[in-house]
Amino acid sequence: MSPMARRVLLAAAAVSLSLAFAPMQASATDWAVGLRQIEFVDPKDQRPLWMAVFYPAAPPAAGTPTFPFPYVTNVTVYPAAPVAPDAGKRPLIMLSHGRGSDAWQYAWFAQALAAKGYVVAAMNHYRANTYDRDIGYLANRIWQRPVDLSIAITFLLDDPLWRAHIDADRIGVAGHSQGGFTSLWIGGARVDADKFLAFQRLFINNPRIPEHIRRGLPLDAAPALEVRDGRVKGVFAMAPGIVQAFGMSPEGLRQLAVPAFLTVGAGDTQTPPKENAVFAAEHIPGARLWVIPGPVGHEIFTNECDQEGKDEFPGGCIDEAGVDRRALHGEIAAAALQFFGTALGVR
C-alpha cells in the first residue's frame, strides 16, 4: 500500500473514530477522586522526583475541602482522601506532561480516568517542569523522561500503600506533546542514534544559549536507545511531537509492539498532524489514529479554563470559534477509557 493510500485510510478511520466516542458523562457509579503528591528519590542518582497521584476515593463527607486549581473549571479532587474501600487492585496509568509543563495541566484527564477506577500517576518531570527547568533536561537529556516514568512505576509497585491498590500486570502510559512522544518511546518505539545526536547538536551549537551552559550539554545517544519498559501494555499519545526531529524513523516506530492510540487536533500548528501523529501511526503496527476534525489546536488536551483563566492566559485557554473544549474532553476521555479497557483487559 502506498503512503498516500495509507494516509487516506487513516483519515477515514479518524472520522469513524470521532463518531464512535460519545462524550463521557458522570454516572452514579463514578468514584470521587483523591489526590496525593508524592516526593521520592531516584535510588541510582539521588535526584528528587515528584508526581501527583489521582485515584478512586471514598465518598467525601459534606464540606470536605477540594484541591485548589486556579483558573480551571470542571476539576474536583480531594487531597489525601482515603482510597476507595474495595479489595481489588486497579490498573495504573502513568501520565507524562508536555515540554516545560506540569502534571496539573492535565488534571481533567487524570480525574476522568480515576473516576472510572484507574490510578493515574502524573509525573512532574525532573528539571523539565513549570517549577524547575533546565535546558539540558528539556532537550539533550529528554531520554530521562521515559527512564523516570520507569523509576516511578517501580516506586509505586514497591510502596506499601500503592502496591496494595495497583495491578502490576495492567499498566499503561498516556502523554501530551513531548509527553506523547515519551509514551511512544517507553512503549518500545526507538530513536535512531545518528538522528538523536543531530538533535542534541542543535542545542550544543545554538549561539543563543550561553556557552557555559552549552559546554555542559551531553552529546551521547546511548541513554536514549534502550528505554522501553516491558511492564507498559498500552500507550495513548496526545499530539505527540516532534516525532521525526527527536529521531524516530519508520524503522524505529515499527518496534512499538504494544497497542497504541494516537490523537491530535487537525488544526494543531505546534505538532502538525502530518509530520507527527499521522507519520507515527503510519508505521506503528496496528496503531489507531484519531485526527480530531476542525480548527482544534494543541492546547485542547489541557484543562478547561474558567473566565479568569481565559482573561489571563488567552493563548492556552481560548480555542477557535466552534471548538467546545469540554465536549471534546468528554470524547477524549471516552476514547482513552475504551482504549485502555481493551489494551489492559479492564472490565
Protein backbone atom coordinates (compact mmCIF):
# COMPACT_ATOMS: atom_id res chain seq x y z
CA MET A 1 0.00 0.00 0.00
CA SER A 2 1.36 3.40 -0.94
CA PRO A 3 1.92 6.06 1.76
CA MET A 4 -0.81 8.18 0.17
CA ALA A 5 -3.34 5.35 0.26
CA ARG A 6 -2.36 4.63 3.84
CA ARG A 7 -2.98 8.27 4.78
CA VAL A 8 -6.42 8.19 3.14
CA LEU A 9 -7.37 5.11 5.15
CA LEU A 10 -6.10 6.68 8.35
CA ALA A 11 -8.10 9.83 7.67
CA ALA A 12 -11.23 7.77 7.08
CA ALA A 13 -10.60 5.85 10.28
CA ALA A 14 -10.19 9.12 12.13
CA VAL A 15 -13.66 10.24 11.06
CA SER A 16 -15.23 6.97 12.16
CA LEU A 17 -13.36 7.12 15.47
CA SER A 18 -14.55 10.65 16.13
CA LEU A 19 -18.13 9.46 15.71
CA ALA A 20 -17.60 6.45 17.97
CA PHE A 21 -16.80 8.23 21.22
CA ALA A 22 -19.80 9.74 22.88
CA PRO A 23 -18.93 12.47 25.40
CA MET A 24 -18.28 10.85 28.78
CA GLN A 25 -20.91 11.68 31.35
CA ALA A 26 -20.57 11.34 35.10
CA SER A 27 -22.66 8.48 36.40
CA ALA A 28 -23.85 7.20 39.74
CA THR A 29 -21.07 4.62 39.62
CA ASP A 30 -18.25 7.17 39.31
CA TRP A 31 -15.81 7.34 42.20
CA ALA A 32 -14.85 10.52 43.96
CA VAL A 33 -11.24 11.33 43.07
CA GLY A 34 -8.47 11.66 45.62
CA LEU A 35 -5.08 13.29 45.15
CA ARG A 36 -1.75 12.67 46.85
CA GLN A 37 1.51 14.38 45.98
CA ILE A 38 4.44 12.03 46.28
CA GLU A 39 8.09 13.02 46.51
CA PHE A 40 10.74 10.33 46.38
CA VAL A 41 14.39 9.88 45.46
CA ASP A 42 15.86 8.18 42.41
CA PRO A 43 17.80 5.37 44.07
CA LYS A 44 20.54 5.45 41.43
CA ASP A 45 21.29 9.17 41.00
CA GLN A 46 19.72 10.51 44.21
CA ARG A 47 17.60 13.01 42.26
CA PRO A 48 14.38 14.20 43.94
CA LEU A 49 11.36 13.14 41.89
CA TRP A 50 7.76 14.27 42.22
CA MET A 51 4.38 13.10 40.97
CA ALA A 52 0.70 13.66 41.62
CA VAL A 53 -1.37 10.51 42.05
CA PHE A 54 -5.10 10.65 41.29
CA TYR A 55 -7.14 7.67 42.46
CA PRO A 56 -10.64 6.41 43.25
CA ALA A 57 -11.50 7.68 46.71
CA ALA A 58 -14.06 7.01 49.40
CA PRO A 59 -17.09 9.31 49.17
CA PRO A 60 -16.17 12.61 50.84
CA ALA A 61 -18.11 13.98 53.78
CA ALA A 62 -20.10 17.13 53.22
CA GLY A 63 -17.88 20.20 53.31
CA THR A 64 -14.65 18.32 52.57
CA PRO A 65 -12.23 20.83 51.00
CA THR A 66 -11.07 20.27 47.44
CA PHE A 67 -7.61 20.80 46.00
CA PRO A 68 -7.20 24.32 44.53
CA PHE A 69 -6.95 24.63 40.75
CA PRO A 70 -6.83 28.36 39.96
CA TYR A 71 -8.04 29.42 36.51
CA VAL A 72 -9.54 25.95 35.94
CA THR A 73 -13.11 24.69 35.83
CA ASN A 74 -14.64 21.21 35.86
CA VAL A 75 -11.98 19.64 38.12
CA THR A 76 -12.89 18.42 41.62
CA VAL A 77 -10.42 16.29 43.57
CA TYR A 78 -9.90 15.74 47.28
CA PRO A 79 -6.39 15.95 48.77
CA ALA A 80 -5.28 12.95 50.87
CA ALA A 81 -8.73 11.36 50.68
CA PRO A 82 -8.91 7.70 51.76
CA VAL A 83 -8.52 5.25 48.90
CA ALA A 84 -11.82 3.71 47.81
CA PRO A 85 -12.68 0.85 50.17
CA ASP A 86 -12.61 -2.20 47.95
CA ALA A 87 -10.28 -5.16 47.77
CA GLY A 88 -9.50 -5.11 44.06
CA LYS A 89 -6.24 -3.97 42.52
CA ARG A 90 -6.58 -1.28 39.88
CA PRO A 91 -4.90 -0.51 36.57
CA LEU A 92 -2.18 2.16 36.62
CA ILE A 93 -1.78 4.90 34.02
CA MET A 94 1.42 6.93 34.06
CA LEU A 95 0.83 10.44 32.67
CA SER A 96 3.60 12.49 31.02
CA HIS A 97 3.18 16.25 30.55
CA GLY A 98 4.35 18.43 27.68
CA ARG A 99 7.70 20.21 27.42
CA GLY A 100 8.19 22.52 30.39
CA SER A 101 4.63 21.94 31.60
CA ASP A 102 3.41 20.03 34.65
CA ALA A 103 1.03 17.39 35.94
CA TRP A 104 -1.62 19.93 36.95
CA GLN A 105 -2.35 20.93 33.36
CA TYR A 106 -3.92 17.51 32.76
CA ALA A 107 -5.96 17.19 35.95
CA TRP A 108 -9.13 16.86 33.89
CA PHE A 109 -7.74 13.74 32.15
CA ALA A 110 -6.45 12.18 35.36
CA GLN A 111 -9.78 12.88 37.08
CA ALA A 112 -11.76 11.31 34.23
CA LEU A 113 -9.80 8.05 34.42
CA ALA A 114 -9.61 7.91 38.21
CA ALA A 115 -13.37 8.39 38.48
CA LYS A 116 -13.76 5.19 36.46
CA GLY A 117 -11.43 3.15 38.66
CA TYR A 118 -7.88 3.83 37.45
CA VAL A 119 -4.89 5.00 39.46
CA VAL A 120 -3.27 7.82 37.47
CA ALA A 121 0.26 8.90 38.38
CA ALA A 122 1.08 12.22 36.72
CA MET A 123 4.81 12.89 36.65
CA ASN A 124 6.40 16.29 37.09
CA HIS A 125 9.46 15.53 35.01
CA TYR A 126 12.79 16.29 36.67
CA ARG A 127 14.20 19.71 35.74
CA ALA A 128 11.70 19.86 32.86
CA ASN A 129 8.52 21.14 34.53
CA THR A 130 6.89 24.51 35.17
CA TYR A 131 8.54 24.96 38.56
CA ASP A 132 12.03 23.64 37.82
CA ARG A 133 13.56 23.87 34.34
CA ASP A 134 16.94 23.17 32.84
CA ILE A 135 17.67 23.24 29.10
CA GLY A 136 19.66 20.04 29.45
CA TYR A 137 16.59 18.11 30.60
CA LEU A 138 14.25 19.95 28.24
CA ALA A 139 16.43 18.97 25.29
CA ASN A 140 19.64 16.93 25.38
CA ARG A 141 18.59 14.68 28.25
CA ILE A 142 14.99 14.11 27.19
CA TRP A 143 15.64 10.36 27.43
CA GLN A 144 15.37 10.95 31.18
CA ARG A 145 11.60 11.25 30.74
CA PRO A 146 10.83 7.59 29.97
CA VAL A 147 13.54 6.49 32.39
CA ASP A 148 11.90 8.45 35.21
CA LEU A 149 8.48 7.01 34.37
CA SER A 150 10.00 3.56 34.82
CA ILE A 151 11.56 4.62 38.14
CA ALA A 152 8.16 5.93 39.27
CA ILE A 153 6.42 2.68 38.29
CA THR A 154 8.92 0.73 40.37
CA PHE A 155 8.44 3.09 43.31
CA LEU A 156 4.66 2.68 43.22
CA LEU A 157 4.83 -1.11 42.94
CA ASP A 158 7.24 -1.27 45.88
CA ASP A 159 5.45 1.27 48.09
CA PRO A 160 3.47 -0.34 50.95
CA LEU A 161 0.38 1.79 50.26
CA TRP A 162 0.20 1.75 46.48
CA ARG A 163 1.26 -1.82 45.77
CA ALA A 164 -1.89 -2.94 47.57
CA HIS A 165 -4.02 -0.98 45.10
CA ILE A 166 -2.18 -1.34 41.76
CA ASP A 167 -2.30 -4.29 39.40
CA ALA A 168 1.28 -4.71 38.17
CA ASP A 169 0.02 -6.54 35.07
CA ARG A 170 -2.18 -3.66 33.90
CA ILE A 171 -0.01 -0.60 33.34
CA GLY A 172 -0.39 1.97 30.56
CA VAL A 173 1.16 5.33 29.69
CA ALA A 174 -0.52 8.48 28.37
CA GLY A 175 1.09 11.77 27.45
CA HIS A 176 0.71 15.06 25.63
CA SER A 177 3.11 16.74 23.22
CA GLN A 178 6.63 15.80 24.36
CA GLY A 179 4.81 13.53 26.80
CA GLY A 180 3.05 11.91 23.84
CA PHE A 181 6.45 11.21 22.33
CA THR A 182 7.55 9.86 25.71
CA SER A 183 4.64 7.42 25.78
CA LEU A 184 5.62 6.02 22.37
CA TRP A 185 9.25 5.81 23.49
CA ILE A 186 8.65 3.92 26.72
CA GLY A 187 6.26 1.63 24.85
CA GLY A 188 9.05 0.43 22.59
CA ALA A 189 9.48 2.85 19.68
CA ARG A 190 13.19 3.52 19.18
CA VAL A 191 15.16 6.57 18.17
CA ASP A 192 17.91 6.44 15.56
CA ALA A 193 21.28 7.14 17.21
CA ASP A 194 22.59 9.45 14.47
CA LYS A 195 19.34 11.42 14.31
CA PHE A 196 19.26 11.80 18.07
CA LEU A 197 22.84 13.08 18.07
CA ALA A 198 21.85 15.60 15.41
CA PHE A 199 19.01 16.73 17.66
CA GLN A 200 21.41 17.18 20.58
CA ARG A 201 23.80 19.22 18.39
CA LEU A 202 21.00 21.70 17.66
CA PHE A 203 21.36 22.92 21.25
CA ILE A 204 25.09 22.45 21.65
CA ASN A 205 25.62 24.64 18.55
CA ASN A 206 22.91 27.20 19.36
CA PRO A 207 24.68 30.56 19.94
CA ARG A 208 21.63 31.91 21.77
CA ILE A 209 22.37 29.54 24.64
CA PRO A 210 25.24 30.79 26.85
CA GLU A 211 28.49 28.98 26.20
CA HIS A 212 28.90 27.82 29.81
CA ILE A 213 25.55 26.02 29.53
CA ARG A 214 26.32 24.54 26.11
CA ARG A 215 29.57 23.09 27.45
CA GLY A 216 27.57 21.02 29.91
CA LEU A 217 25.10 19.59 27.38
CA PRO A 218 25.75 15.92 26.61
CA LEU A 219 26.36 14.58 23.13
CA ASP A 220 25.53 10.94 23.70
CA ALA A 221 22.79 8.84 22.15
CA ALA A 222 23.41 5.70 24.20
CA PRO A 223 20.99 6.51 27.08
CA ALA A 224 18.21 7.16 24.54
CA LEU A 225 18.40 3.81 22.80
CA GLU A 226 17.08 1.39 25.44
CA VAL A 227 14.21 3.00 27.35
CA ARG A 228 11.39 0.56 26.71
CA ASP A 229 9.63 -0.70 29.83
CA GLY A 230 8.13 -4.14 29.31
CA ARG A 231 5.61 -3.53 32.09
CA VAL A 232 3.81 -0.99 29.87
CA LYS A 233 0.98 -2.70 27.99
CA GLY A 234 -0.52 0.22 26.06
CA VAL A 235 0.20 3.86 25.12
CA PHE A 236 -2.17 6.75 24.49
CA ALA A 237 -0.33 9.62 22.76
CA MET A 238 -2.00 13.04 22.56
CA ALA A 239 -0.49 15.37 19.95
CA PRO A 240 2.94 13.69 20.08
CA GLY A 241 5.79 15.83 18.81
CA ILE A 242 8.33 16.43 17.43
CA VAL A 243 8.49 12.80 16.39
CA GLN A 244 10.93 12.91 13.49
CA ALA A 245 13.17 15.65 14.86
CA PHE A 246 13.70 13.66 18.06
CA GLY A 247 14.99 10.82 15.92
CA MET A 248 12.17 8.37 15.32
CA SER A 249 12.31 6.80 11.88
CA PRO A 250 9.81 4.38 10.32
CA GLU A 251 12.07 1.52 11.39
CA GLY A 252 12.15 2.74 14.99
CA LEU A 253 8.39 3.25 15.13
CA ARG A 254 7.82 -0.29 13.89
CA GLN A 255 9.47 -1.54 17.10
CA LEU A 256 6.49 -0.39 19.16
CA ALA A 257 4.77 -3.71 19.78
CA VAL A 258 2.13 -2.77 22.41
CA PRO A 259 -1.28 -1.32 21.46
CA ALA A 260 -1.05 2.38 20.59
CA PHE A 261 -3.66 5.10 20.17
CA LEU A 262 -2.67 8.50 18.76
CA THR A 263 -4.85 11.58 18.63
CA VAL A 264 -4.25 15.17 17.55
CA GLY A 265 -6.27 18.20 16.55
CA ALA A 266 -6.48 18.82 12.82
CA GLY A 267 -5.65 22.48 13.48
CA ASP A 268 -2.58 21.82 15.63
CA THR A 269 0.25 24.10 14.45
CA GLN A 270 2.70 23.20 17.26
CA THR A 271 2.83 19.49 16.45
CA PRO A 272 1.32 19.36 12.95
CA PRO A 273 -0.51 16.06 12.42
CA LYS A 274 1.08 15.09 9.10
CA GLU A 275 4.67 15.23 10.37
CA ASN A 276 3.95 13.78 13.81
CA ALA A 277 0.88 11.75 14.84
CA VAL A 278 -0.06 10.72 11.30
CA PHE A 279 3.55 9.87 10.43
CA ALA A 280 3.91 7.78 13.57
CA ALA A 281 0.59 5.98 13.10
CA GLU A 282 1.55 5.04 9.54
CA HIS A 283 4.48 3.00 10.85
CA ILE A 284 3.39 1.68 14.26
CA PRO A 285 1.90 -1.79 13.80
CA GLY A 286 -1.84 -1.76 14.46
CA ALA A 287 -1.88 1.84 15.69
CA ARG A 288 -5.20 3.64 15.95
CA LEU A 289 -5.32 7.27 14.87
CA TRP A 290 -7.92 9.93 15.61
CA VAL A 291 -7.37 13.29 13.97
CA ILE A 292 -9.99 15.48 15.63
CA PRO A 293 -11.59 17.44 12.80
CA GLY A 294 -11.96 21.20 12.65
CA PRO A 295 -9.78 24.03 13.99
CA VAL A 296 -8.74 22.03 17.06
CA GLY A 297 -5.36 23.19 18.37
CA HIS A 298 -2.56 21.87 20.54
CA GLU A 299 -3.91 23.07 23.90
CA ILE A 300 -7.21 21.18 23.61
CA PHE A 301 -5.63 18.44 25.74
CA THR A 302 -5.03 20.74 28.72
CA ASN A 303 -7.54 21.81 31.38
CA GLU A 304 -10.66 23.77 30.60
CA CYS A 305 -10.22 27.33 31.87
CA ASP A 306 -12.67 29.48 33.76
CA GLN A 307 -13.24 33.06 32.69
CA GLU A 308 -10.36 34.38 34.78
CA GLY A 309 -8.06 31.85 33.12
CA LYS A 310 -9.23 32.93 29.68
CA ASP A 311 -8.54 36.54 30.60
CA GLU A 312 -5.07 35.80 32.00
CA PHE A 313 -3.90 33.11 29.57
CA PRO A 314 -5.82 33.51 26.31
CA GLY A 315 -3.24 31.61 24.26
CA GLY A 316 -3.64 28.42 26.24
CA CYS A 317 -7.27 28.82 27.28
CA ILE A 318 -9.23 30.17 24.34
CA ASP A 319 -9.99 27.84 21.44
CA GLU A 320 -11.02 28.71 17.91
CA ALA A 321 -14.67 29.54 17.25
CA GLY A 322 -16.83 26.44 17.24
CA VAL A 323 -14.45 24.33 19.36
CA ASP A 324 -16.04 23.09 22.58
CA ARG A 325 -13.18 22.01 24.88
CA ARG A 326 -15.48 20.48 27.49
CA ALA A 327 -17.28 18.32 24.93
CA LEU A 328 -14.00 17.22 23.35
CA HIS A 329 -12.59 16.34 26.78
CA GLY A 330 -15.56 14.00 27.18
CA GLU A 331 -14.79 12.34 23.85
CA ILE A 332 -11.05 12.12 24.51
CA ALA A 333 -11.64 10.58 27.95
CA ALA A 334 -14.10 8.11 26.44
CA ALA A 335 -11.53 7.17 23.80
CA ALA A 336 -8.83 6.66 26.45
CA LEU A 337 -11.11 4.53 28.61
CA GLN A 338 -12.15 2.42 25.65
CA PHE A 339 -8.56 2.01 24.51
CA PHE A 340 -7.06 1.17 27.91
CA GLY A 341 -10.01 -1.07 28.72
CA THR A 342 -9.12 -3.23 25.75
CA ALA A 343 -5.31 -2.92 25.92
CA LEU A 344 -5.12 -3.66 29.65
CA GLY A 345 -8.05 -6.06 29.87
CA VAL A 346 -10.07 -3.82 32.18
CA ARG A 347 -13.69 -4.74 32.68
